[in-house]
Amino acid sequence: MSSMKSLGRHEARTACVFITPTMLLFTVFTVIPVVMALYLSFTDYDVLNRMNWVGFANYERLIHDDLLWRTFRNVLYYAVLFIPLNIAISLAIALLLNRAGLGVKLFRTAAYLPTLTSAVAAATVWLWLLHPEYGLVNALLGYLGITGPAWLAQTNTAMPSIVMVTLWQSVGANMVIYLAGLQGVPEYMYEAARLEGANRFQSFRYITWPQLKPTTFLVSTMSIIGALQLFDQAFVLTQGGPANATKTPVYLIYQQGFNQLQMGYASAQAFVLALSILIFSILNMRISKSDETFV
């Protein structure tokens, strides 16, 4: 009995050895910065001078900030384009590559490689590819007799261009997630469907898609969070232009905090953005659960 107690104490001490540094790091790098940012959101702080407590003035200012709400409309437009295309393209590529064959691993690797590229480096390359005069995209369109637009300088094409770039870089990672989900679907379900005379579309509709609901929830949630946190591509490709058509909440927070040194107001914007991410994630979770119940 005493040996069992000593063994239990030894395991508890071992657990503390591993858990304590983790909790310490979490507190130092997550909890404390969040608490400090929350405090800053109630102050008027410009880095150079002392903090002045202003209460809810920053949050009241947010209500009347037309530019902030413009950035949320921009990111909503981006999300409406990006999320369905991201899911559809990633799933389509995963379905095509979910088989054993010569060269399949090579194609999987090629589809995943853009994900490993730095977002800034990839956006810089695409900045030249989409150049209206010297870019490869317009050159290829010219061979087809089509005059390409100034992709990043026109309000009607700037955001779709960013969507195209982010899709190119993100579908590879989501393809891998969908491949894992597809390989988890039991084969006997397809065999039973074939015995019942189901074709490929019916097998996908009644077997594959329902089985991939958890995977789609994961992909859609990450896409929503990524859309609301869009910054790198908008910063490199368009600098938020033209006419603020591609300015995002994170880009605005960056400008307010580091360009205009309005750290208090930028912190308030950051907390509004975090709350928006939480709300949309919960809505996505509720929608996914209601779909599963309906199915």
Protein backbone atom coordinates (compact mmCIF):
# COMPACT_ATOMS: atom_id res chain seq x y z
CA MET A 1 0.00 0.00 0.00
CA SER A 2 2.81 2.39 0.88
CA SER A 3 4.54 1.53 -2.39
CA MET A 4 1.37 2.48 -4.28
CA LYS A 5 1.20 5.83 -2.48
CA SER A 6 4.87 6.56 -3.19
CA LEU A 7 4.32 5.65 -6.83
CA GLY A 8 1.37 8.03 -6.96
CA ARG A 9 3.41 10.85 -5.41
CA HIS A 10 6.22 10.17 -7.89
CA GLU A 11 3.81 10.42 -10.84
CA ALA A 12 2.34 13.64 -9.42
CA ARG A 13 5.81 15.17 -9.09
CA THR A 14 6.68 14.08 -12.63
CA ALA A 15 3.48 15.64 -13.93
CA CYS A 16 4.25 18.88 -12.11
CA VAL A 17 7.72 18.97 -13.69
CA PHE A 18 6.18 18.95 -17.18
CA ILE A 19 3.02 20.99 -16.49
CA THR A 20 4.54 23.84 -14.48
CA PRO A 21 6.85 25.18 -17.25
CA THR A 22 3.98 24.94 -19.74
CA MET A 23 1.63 26.89 -17.48
CA LEU A 24 4.38 29.44 -16.80
CA LEU A 25 5.03 29.97 -20.50
CA PHE A 26 1.29 30.19 -21.21
CA THR A 27 0.91 32.82 -18.50
CA VAL A 28 3.90 34.89 -19.63
CA PHE A 29 3.24 34.81 -23.37
CA THR A 30 -0.57 34.63 -23.48
CA VAL A 31 -2.40 35.61 -20.30
CA ILE A 32 -0.28 38.63 -19.34
CA PRO A 33 -0.21 40.16 -22.87
CA VAL A 34 -3.99 39.73 -23.19
CA VAL A 35 -4.61 41.38 -19.81
CA MET A 36 -2.24 44.22 -20.69
CA ALA A 37 -3.91 44.72 -24.08
CA LEU A 38 -7.32 44.79 -22.37
CA TYR A 39 -6.06 47.47 -20.00
CA LEU A 40 -4.59 49.44 -22.90
CA SER A 41 -7.95 49.44 -24.67
CA PHE A 42 -9.29 51.66 -21.86
CA THR A 43 -6.43 54.15 -22.12
CA ASP A 44 -5.07 56.81 -24.43
CA TYR A 45 -1.52 55.60 -24.97
CA ASP A 46 0.89 56.70 -27.71
CA VAL A 47 4.07 54.85 -26.51
CA LEU A 48 5.89 58.17 -25.98
CA ASN A 49 3.82 59.48 -23.09
CA ARG A 50 2.17 58.08 -19.99
CA MET A 51 -1.12 56.20 -20.24
CA ASN A 52 -4.27 58.21 -19.64
CA TRP A 53 -7.34 56.30 -18.47
CA VAL A 54 -10.27 57.15 -20.77
CA GLY A 55 -12.73 54.41 -19.84
CA PHE A 56 -15.01 53.31 -22.68
CA ALA A 57 -14.10 56.25 -24.93
CA ASN A 58 -12.18 54.04 -27.35
CA TYR A 59 -15.10 51.64 -27.69
CA GLU A 60 -17.52 54.54 -28.19
CA ARG A 61 -15.23 55.83 -30.92
CA LEU A 62 -15.41 52.43 -32.63
CA ILE A 63 -19.15 52.77 -33.11
CA HIS A 64 -18.69 55.87 -35.27
CA ASP A 65 -15.54 54.72 -37.09
CA ASP A 66 -16.71 54.29 -40.69
CA LEU A 67 -13.31 53.00 -41.80
CA LEU A 68 -13.42 50.17 -39.26
CA TRP A 69 -16.81 49.01 -40.48
CA ARG A 70 -15.56 49.33 -44.05
CA THR A 71 -12.76 46.89 -43.23
CA PHE A 72 -15.29 44.42 -41.81
CA ARG A 73 -17.35 44.69 -45.01
CA ASN A 74 -14.19 44.07 -47.02
CA VAL A 75 -13.29 40.99 -45.04
CA LEU A 76 -16.88 39.73 -45.24
CA TYR A 77 -16.72 40.05 -49.04
CA TYR A 78 -13.39 38.21 -48.96
CA ALA A 79 -14.83 35.44 -46.78
CA VAL A 80 -17.88 34.96 -49.03
CA LEU A 81 -15.53 34.37 -51.98
CA PHE A 82 -12.71 32.57 -50.20
CA ILE A 83 -14.36 30.06 -47.87
CA PRO A 84 -16.64 28.20 -50.35
CA LEU A 85 -13.91 28.14 -53.01
CA ASN A 86 -11.36 26.95 -50.46
CA ILE A 87 -13.57 24.07 -49.35
CA ALA A 88 -14.63 23.10 -52.89
CA ILE A 89 -11.14 23.19 -54.44
CA SER A 90 -9.45 21.46 -51.50
CA LEU A 91 -12.04 18.68 -51.48
CA ALA A 92 -11.91 18.29 -55.27
CA ILE A 93 -8.11 17.92 -55.24
CA ALA A 94 -8.30 15.49 -52.32
CA LEU A 95 -10.87 13.35 -54.16
CA LEU A 96 -8.65 13.27 -57.25
CA LEU A 97 -5.55 12.30 -55.27
CA ASN A 98 -7.21 9.86 -52.86
CA ARG A 99 -6.04 6.80 -54.73
CA ALA A 100 -3.00 4.64 -55.17
CA GLY A 101 -1.24 5.18 -58.45
CA LEU A 102 1.93 6.18 -60.21
CA GLY A 103 2.82 9.78 -59.51
CA VAL A 104 0.05 10.43 -56.98
CA LYS A 105 2.52 11.21 -54.18
CA LEU A 106 4.32 13.62 -56.49
CA PHE A 107 1.08 15.49 -57.24
CA ARG A 108 0.20 15.57 -53.52
CA THR A 109 3.58 17.10 -52.76
CA ALA A 110 3.24 19.63 -55.58
CA ALA A 111 -0.22 20.67 -54.32
CA TYR A 112 1.09 21.07 -50.77
CA LEU A 113 4.28 23.01 -51.59
CA PRO A 114 2.68 26.49 -51.80
CA THR A 115 1.61 26.09 -48.16
CA LEU A 116 5.27 25.97 -47.13
CA THR A 117 6.00 29.29 -48.82
CA SER A 118 6.18 32.45 -46.75
CA ALA A 119 3.02 34.51 -47.22
CA VAL A 120 5.07 37.67 -47.81
CA ALA A 121 7.38 35.97 -50.32
CA ALA A 122 4.45 34.41 -52.19
CA ALA A 123 2.57 37.73 -52.29
CA THR A 124 5.69 39.47 -53.62
CA VAL A 125 5.93 36.97 -56.48
CA TRP A 126 2.23 37.36 -57.26
CA LEU A 127 2.67 41.13 -57.21
CA TRP A 128 4.80 40.75 -60.33
CA LEU A 129 2.68 38.01 -61.87
CA LEU A 130 -0.37 40.31 -61.70
CA HIS A 131 1.43 43.38 -62.99
CA PRO A 132 -0.83 44.99 -65.63
CA GLU A 133 1.96 45.52 -68.20
CA TYR A 134 4.71 43.01 -67.45
CA GLY A 135 2.88 40.32 -65.52
CA LEU A 136 2.68 36.73 -66.69
CA VAL A 137 -1.08 36.50 -66.08
CA ASN A 138 -1.95 39.33 -68.47
CA ALA A 139 0.64 38.05 -70.95
CA LEU A 140 -1.11 34.68 -71.08
CA LEU A 141 -4.48 36.39 -71.43
CA GLY A 142 -3.03 38.46 -74.26
CA TYR A 143 -2.19 35.29 -76.21
CA LEU A 144 -5.88 34.42 -75.99
CA GLY A 145 -6.90 37.83 -77.27
CA ILE A 146 -8.06 39.05 -73.85
CA THR A 147 -6.91 42.36 -72.43
CA GLY A 148 -6.10 41.76 -68.79
CA PRO A 149 -7.12 44.35 -66.19
CA ALA A 150 -4.95 46.14 -63.67
CA TRP A 151 -5.65 43.40 -61.15
CA LEU A 152 -4.46 45.14 -58.01
CA ALA A 153 -5.29 48.73 -58.96
CA GLN A 154 -9.01 48.41 -59.66
CA THR A 155 -11.63 48.19 -56.95
CA ASN A 156 -13.58 45.43 -58.70
CA THR A 157 -10.57 43.12 -59.17
CA ALA A 158 -8.31 43.88 -56.19
CA MET A 159 -10.09 41.71 -53.62
CA PRO A 160 -10.69 38.78 -56.04
CA SER A 161 -6.95 38.92 -56.80
CA ILE A 162 -6.15 38.57 -53.09
CA VAL A 163 -8.62 35.69 -52.90
CA MET A 164 -6.82 33.99 -55.79
CA VAL A 165 -3.43 34.37 -54.12
CA THR A 166 -4.60 33.09 -50.73
CA LEU A 167 -6.39 30.17 -52.37
CA TRP A 168 -3.21 29.20 -54.19
CA GLN A 169 -1.38 29.11 -50.87
CA SER A 170 -4.01 27.51 -48.63
CA VAL A 171 -5.71 24.74 -50.60
CA GLY A 172 -2.71 22.43 -50.19
CA ALA A 173 -2.97 22.30 -46.40
CA ASN A 174 -6.73 21.76 -46.51
CA MET A 175 -6.26 19.09 -49.18
CA VAL A 176 -4.11 17.12 -46.71
CA ILE A 177 -6.83 17.46 -44.05
CA TYR A 178 -9.48 16.23 -46.48
CA LEU A 179 -7.23 13.35 -47.56
CA ALA A 180 -7.00 12.25 -43.93
CA GLY A 181 -10.79 12.48 -43.66
CA LEU A 182 -11.35 10.51 -46.87
CA GLN A 183 -9.02 7.75 -45.77
CA GLY A 184 -11.01 7.45 -42.57
CA VAL A 185 -14.25 6.62 -44.39
CA PRO A 186 -14.90 2.84 -44.03
CA GLU A 187 -14.56 0.98 -47.33
CA TYR A 188 -17.46 -1.33 -46.54
CA MET A 189 -19.85 1.62 -46.91
CA TYR A 190 -18.82 2.06 -50.54
CA GLU A 191 -19.04 -1.68 -51.15
CA ALA A 192 -22.58 -1.75 -49.76
CA ALA A 193 -23.50 1.26 -51.92
CA ARG A 194 -22.14 -0.42 -55.05
CA LEU A 195 -24.16 -3.55 -54.26
CA GLU A 196 -27.26 -1.35 -54.00
CA GLY A 197 -26.50 0.12 -57.43
CA ALA A 198 -25.39 3.57 -56.30
CA ASN A 199 -23.28 5.58 -58.72
CA ARG A 200 -20.28 7.74 -57.78
CA PHE A 201 -22.31 10.89 -57.24
CA GLN A 202 -24.76 9.10 -54.97
CA SER A 203 -21.89 7.54 -53.02
CA PHE A 204 -20.37 10.97 -52.55
CA ARG A 205 -23.67 12.57 -51.53
CA TYR A 206 -24.84 9.94 -49.07
CA ILE A 207 -21.55 8.50 -47.78
CA THR A 208 -18.50 10.70 -48.41
CA TRP A 209 -19.98 14.12 -47.67
CA PRO A 210 -21.77 13.14 -44.42
CA GLN A 211 -18.62 11.37 -43.21
CA LEU A 212 -16.59 14.50 -43.95
CA LYS A 213 -18.79 16.85 -41.91
CA PRO A 214 -16.30 17.05 -38.98
CA THR A 215 -13.45 17.65 -41.44
CA THR A 216 -15.42 20.36 -43.23
CA PHE A 217 -16.20 21.99 -39.89
CA LEU A 218 -12.47 22.12 -39.10
CA VAL A 219 -11.58 23.52 -42.53
CA SER A 220 -14.39 26.09 -42.49
CA THR A 221 -13.53 27.25 -38.96
CA MET A 222 -9.87 27.74 -39.82
CA SER A 223 -10.90 29.53 -43.02
CA ILE A 224 -13.17 31.91 -41.09
CA ILE A 225 -10.42 32.71 -38.61
CA GLY A 226 -7.89 33.12 -41.42
CA ALA A 227 -10.25 35.43 -43.34
CA LEU A 228 -10.83 37.71 -40.35
CA GLN A 229 -7.07 37.80 -39.68
CA LEU A 230 -6.09 38.56 -43.29
CA PHE A 231 -3.09 40.89 -43.35
CA ASP A 232 0.03 39.74 -45.22
CA GLN A 233 -1.46 39.56 -48.71
CA ALA A 234 -3.37 42.84 -48.37
CA PHE A 235 -0.26 44.56 -47.02
CA VAL A 236 2.10 43.37 -49.77
CA LEU A 237 -0.21 43.34 -52.78
CA THR A 238 -2.36 46.45 -52.36
CA GLN A 239 -1.45 48.27 -49.12
CA GLY A 240 -5.17 48.29 -48.40
CA GLY A 241 -6.07 50.05 -51.66
CA PRO A 242 -7.39 51.06 -54.02
CA ALA A 243 -9.65 53.43 -52.08
CA ASN A 244 -9.55 51.15 -48.98
CA ALA A 245 -11.18 48.36 -51.02
CA THR A 246 -8.84 45.72 -49.56
CA LYS A 247 -8.08 47.19 -46.15
CA THR A 248 -8.76 44.60 -43.45
CA PRO A 249 -9.33 44.91 -39.68
CA VAL A 250 -5.85 43.58 -38.88
CA TYR A 251 -4.29 46.00 -41.36
CA LEU A 252 -6.21 48.88 -39.77
CA ILE A 253 -5.09 47.79 -36.29
CA TYR A 254 -1.49 47.74 -37.54
CA GLN A 255 -1.82 51.26 -38.95
CA GLN A 256 -3.50 52.63 -35.84
CA GLY A 257 -1.00 51.07 -33.47
CA PHE A 258 2.35 51.31 -35.24
CA ASN A 259 1.91 54.11 -37.77
CA GLN A 260 -0.28 56.51 -35.78
CA LEU A 261 0.85 55.29 -32.32
CA GLN A 262 -2.74 55.04 -31.05
CA MET A 263 -2.09 51.92 -29.02
CA GLY A 264 -5.17 52.24 -26.84
CA TYR A 265 -7.54 52.59 -29.77
CA ALA A 266 -5.76 49.79 -31.67
CA SER A 267 -6.17 47.50 -28.65
CA ALA A 268 -9.90 48.24 -28.57
CA GLN A 269 -10.12 47.37 -32.27
CA ALA A 270 -8.22 44.15 -31.60
CA PHE A 271 -10.69 43.06 -28.93
CA VAL A 272 -13.63 43.81 -31.21
CA LEU A 273 -11.96 41.66 -33.87
CA ALA A 274 -11.35 38.85 -31.36
CA LEU A 275 -15.00 38.99 -30.33
CA SER A 276 -16.03 38.81 -33.99
CA ILE A 277 -13.87 35.74 -34.54
CA LEU A 278 -15.44 34.09 -31.49
CA ILE A 279 -18.98 34.89 -32.66
CA PHE A 280 -18.45 33.61 -36.20
CA SER A 281 -16.74 30.45 -34.90
CA ILE A 282 -19.66 29.73 -32.57
CA LEU A 283 -22.14 30.36 -35.40
CA ASN A 284 -20.23 27.97 -37.63
CA MET A 285 -20.26 25.36 -34.88
CA ARG A 286 -24.03 25.77 -34.39
CA ILE A 287 -24.67 25.50 -38.13
CA SER A 288 -22.52 22.37 -38.38
CA LYS A 289 -24.35 20.75 -35.45
CA SER A 290 -27.76 21.60 -36.93
CA ASP A 291 -26.68 20.06 -40.26
CA GLU A 292 -25.60 16.87 -38.51
CA THR A 293 -28.95 16.71 -36.68
CA PHE A 294 -30.80 17.26 -39.95
CA VAL A 295 -28.82 14.53 -41.66
